[in-house]
């Protein structure tokens, strides 16, 4: 016999599955900007950073600019690192931005996921801290991802 809660989970999914699905519209909106971002020159793409900072200074919130900022960070990663964040990595970045934990296995691109939330939050000018488990990973990731941060 299935409990009422079990039946609801089968129909609607777990609370985690529903939360992950809730990011779908933003992922689609970021994807819709991909060709527009690809068409920008390197200088035009990098100039988006100052544009976002101006929007924040004019009263917009980080949430207001998340979609275009993630689109810029995705394209910046493609150009600077040769890595294009997948949709699931965009979701991971949004989860981090929401001050939650995104559990990922080894090799699923946690460092690349973090760049999305780091870029967005750095736009506010308050500083961003990235914590990693050991000195080797800290040095490796700083050296690799600084190419993206420097580009943007």
Protein backbone atom coordinates (compact mmCIF):
# COMPACT_ATOMS: atom_id res chain seq x y z
CA UNK A 1 0.00 0.00 0.00
CA UNK A 2 1.29 3.44 -0.96
CA UNK A 3 0.97 6.24 1.58
CA UNK A 4 -0.62 9.53 0.63
CA UNK A 5 2.83 11.18 0.82
CA UNK A 6 4.31 8.44 -1.37
CA UNK A 7 1.53 8.90 -3.91
CA UNK A 8 2.09 12.67 -3.96
CA UNK A 9 5.84 12.12 -4.51
CA UNK A 10 5.11 9.79 -7.43
CA UNK A 11 2.81 12.34 -9.03
CA UNK A 12 4.64 15.59 -8.27
CA UNK A 13 8.19 14.41 -7.51
CA UNK A 14 10.22 14.96 -4.36
CA UNK A 15 10.69 18.47 -3.03
CA UNK A 16 14.23 18.38 -4.45
CA UNK A 17 12.99 17.33 -7.90
CA UNK A 18 10.39 20.11 -7.85
CA UNK A 19 13.02 22.64 -6.83
CA UNK A 20 15.37 21.57 -9.61
CA UNK A 21 12.50 21.74 -12.14
CA UNK A 22 11.68 25.25 -10.93
CA UNK A 23 14.98 26.46 -12.43
CA UNK A 24 13.93 25.26 -15.90
CA UNK A 25 12.49 28.58 -17.13
CA UNK A 26 15.71 30.42 -16.24
CA UNK A 27 17.82 27.74 -17.93
CA UNK A 28 15.68 28.16 -21.05
CA UNK A 29 16.04 31.95 -20.90
CA UNK A 30 19.84 31.63 -20.60
CA UNK A 31 19.83 29.24 -23.55
CA UNK A 32 17.76 31.70 -25.57
CA UNK A 33 20.55 34.29 -25.16
CA UNK A 34 23.31 31.95 -26.31
CA UNK A 35 23.42 32.96 -29.98
CA UNK A 36 23.27 36.64 -29.04
CA UNK A 37 26.24 36.18 -26.69
CA UNK A 38 28.19 34.22 -29.32
CA UNK A 39 27.71 37.08 -31.78
CA UNK A 40 29.41 39.59 -29.45
CA UNK A 41 33.09 40.37 -29.84
CA UNK A 42 35.37 39.59 -26.91
CA UNK A 43 35.39 43.28 -25.98
CA UNK A 44 31.59 43.53 -26.19
CA UNK A 45 31.17 40.41 -24.05
CA UNK A 46 33.62 41.69 -21.43
CA UNK A 47 31.84 45.09 -21.46
CA UNK A 48 28.71 43.36 -20.17
CA UNK A 49 30.40 43.30 -16.75
CA UNK A 50 30.34 47.09 -16.49
CA UNK A 51 26.80 47.12 -17.88
CA UNK A 52 25.66 44.74 -15.11
CA UNK A 53 27.44 46.81 -12.45
CA UNK A 54 25.64 49.92 -13.71
CA UNK A 55 22.31 48.10 -13.58
CA UNK A 56 22.98 47.09 -9.97
CA UNK A 57 23.95 50.67 -9.10
CA UNK A 58 20.64 51.82 -10.65
CA UNK A 59 18.66 49.56 -8.31
CA UNK A 60 18.42 46.20 -10.01
CA UNK A 61 19.12 43.13 -7.90
CA UNK A 62 21.39 40.19 -8.57
CA UNK A 63 18.26 38.14 -9.16
CA UNK A 64 17.15 40.63 -11.82
CA UNK A 65 20.36 40.18 -13.81
CA UNK A 66 20.98 36.47 -13.15
CA UNK A 67 19.83 35.27 -16.58
CA UNK A 68 21.95 37.61 -18.71
CA UNK A 69 24.92 37.37 -16.30
CA UNK A 70 24.87 33.56 -16.45
CA UNK A 71 24.61 33.78 -20.25
CA UNK A 72 27.70 36.02 -20.32
CA UNK A 73 29.58 33.75 -17.90
CA UNK A 74 28.65 30.69 -19.98
CA UNK A 75 29.95 32.29 -23.18
CA UNK A 76 33.01 33.64 -21.36
CA UNK A 77 33.81 30.13 -20.12
CA UNK A 78 33.49 28.79 -23.64
CA UNK A 79 35.92 31.40 -24.98
CA UNK A 80 38.42 31.65 -22.12
CA UNK A 81 38.47 28.03 -20.98
CA UNK A 82 37.09 26.03 -23.89
CA UNK A 83 34.36 24.77 -21.53
CA UNK A 84 30.66 25.47 -21.98
CA UNK A 85 28.59 24.95 -18.84
CA UNK A 86 25.78 22.44 -19.43
CA UNK A 87 22.22 23.19 -18.38
CA UNK A 88 22.60 21.07 -15.23
CA UNK A 89 25.65 23.17 -14.32
CA UNK A 90 23.58 26.34 -14.75
CA UNK A 91 21.11 24.86 -12.27
CA UNK A 92 23.98 24.12 -9.88
CA UNK A 93 25.13 27.73 -10.16
CA UNK A 94 21.62 28.98 -9.41
CA UNK A 95 21.41 26.70 -6.39
CA UNK A 96 24.71 28.07 -5.08
CA UNK A 97 23.47 31.60 -5.74
CA UNK A 98 20.40 30.77 -3.64
CA UNK A 99 22.74 30.01 -0.71
CA UNK A 100 22.10 26.30 -0.94
CA UNK A 101 24.31 23.28 -1.50
CA UNK A 102 24.56 21.62 -4.90
CA UNK A 103 25.82 18.07 -4.44
CA UNK A 104 27.87 16.87 -7.37
CA UNK A 105 30.06 13.86 -7.96
CA UNK A 106 33.72 13.95 -8.95
CA UNK A 107 34.10 15.05 -12.55
CA UNK A 108 30.74 16.79 -12.85
CA UNK A 109 32.26 20.26 -13.06
CA UNK A 110 31.86 21.77 -9.60
CA UNK A 111 34.57 24.35 -10.27
CA UNK A 112 32.88 25.49 -13.47
CA UNK A 113 29.52 25.61 -11.67
CA UNK A 114 31.00 27.87 -9.03
CA UNK A 115 32.21 30.38 -11.64
CA UNK A 116 28.61 31.22 -12.54
CA UNK A 117 27.62 32.19 -9.00
CA UNK A 118 31.01 33.80 -8.34
CA UNK A 119 30.74 36.02 -11.42
CA UNK A 120 27.18 37.09 -10.61
CA UNK A 121 27.92 37.87 -6.98
CA UNK A 122 31.21 39.60 -7.72
CA UNK A 123 29.28 42.15 -9.76
CA UNK A 124 27.93 43.60 -6.51
CA UNK A 125 31.48 44.58 -5.53
CA UNK A 126 31.29 43.02 -2.06
CA UNK A 127 33.85 40.28 -2.66
CA UNK A 128 33.32 36.57 -3.11
CA UNK A 129 35.08 33.70 -1.35
CA UNK A 130 35.53 30.25 -2.86
CA UNK A 131 36.46 27.49 -0.45
CA UNK A 132 38.04 24.25 -1.59
CA UNK A 133 39.35 21.20 0.21
CA UNK A 134 43.10 21.46 -0.22
CA UNK A 135 45.96 23.65 -1.39
CA UNK A 136 46.51 21.70 -4.60
CA UNK A 137 42.90 22.19 -5.75
CA UNK A 138 42.91 25.81 -4.63
CA UNK A 139 46.02 26.57 -6.70
CA UNK A 140 44.86 24.54 -9.71
CA UNK A 141 41.38 26.04 -9.76
CA UNK A 142 42.62 29.60 -9.17
CA UNK A 143 45.08 29.28 -12.05
CA UNK A 144 42.49 27.78 -14.40
CA UNK A 145 39.47 29.89 -13.52
CA UNK A 146 41.41 33.17 -13.33
CA UNK A 147 41.46 33.03 -17.13
CA UNK A 148 37.67 33.35 -17.11
CA UNK A 149 37.52 35.99 -14.40
CA UNK A 150 40.24 38.03 -16.12
CA UNK A 151 38.43 37.74 -19.44
CA UNK A 152 35.17 39.03 -18.00
